[in-house]
Amino acid sequence: MPELKRQHGAKRGLQTQGTCRSTVLGRTARNSLALFISQAATALVTVLILPLLTRYLGKAGYGLYTSIYAFVGTCSILGDIGLNVILNREIAKQREHGSRLLGQTLVLKTLLVLLFLVVVMTAAIACSFGSLEWLLLSICALESGIRTYANTLVTALRAYEIMGYETIITLLDRACWVVGILLVVWLDLGLVVVFLVFL
């Protein structure tokens, strides 16, 4: 009888391990598919939008558009400095403290975003931007700041391995981009509204 019990216990242990393994594999497959859909949607929307913007804005308008985004993008590294990577790692290790870790990261991100805005505006003053450039720069910097917070929340979702929510958010965001740009081109709303679409 003891031998039978040991065999039965070993069999149940193997079944439990098999179930856990299949659960992990299933979750990994779902999350990988969700990330693939998000990245594919972003790539597809970019391919659709860029030719429209290039044709609509012309050389001067598209040149200004890319210059503003390049200007802000250069400074935007101040909005992260690796915090999202650290947050992902720490939540994965301490899931029970996830909300506290996320809150602390958002506080640090707020300080970094403020520093980022100061640097952007200081650089803009040094470059003697005109009124239109200032307006576009302000919209673009605001968008960058908002996306910094959004990326932090997405990082938390990834740490908890629930990428499905990220996919839904990404698809809605990219759909708004497409609809917004189509309306801008159709109604001829101008460069400022192009920047507002991405806000």
Foldseek 3Di string as FASTA:
>chain_A
DVVVVVVVVVVVVVVVVVVVVVVVVVLVVVLVVLVVLLVVLVVVLCVVQVVLCCVLLDDVRVVLVVVLLVLLVVLLCLLCVPLLVVLLVVCLVPVVCNVVSLVVSVVVSVVSLVVSVVVSVVVCVVVVDDPVSVLLNVLSSVLSSVVSNVVSVCSSCVSVSNSNVVSVVSNVLSVLLVVQSVCCRVVVVDSSSNSVSSD
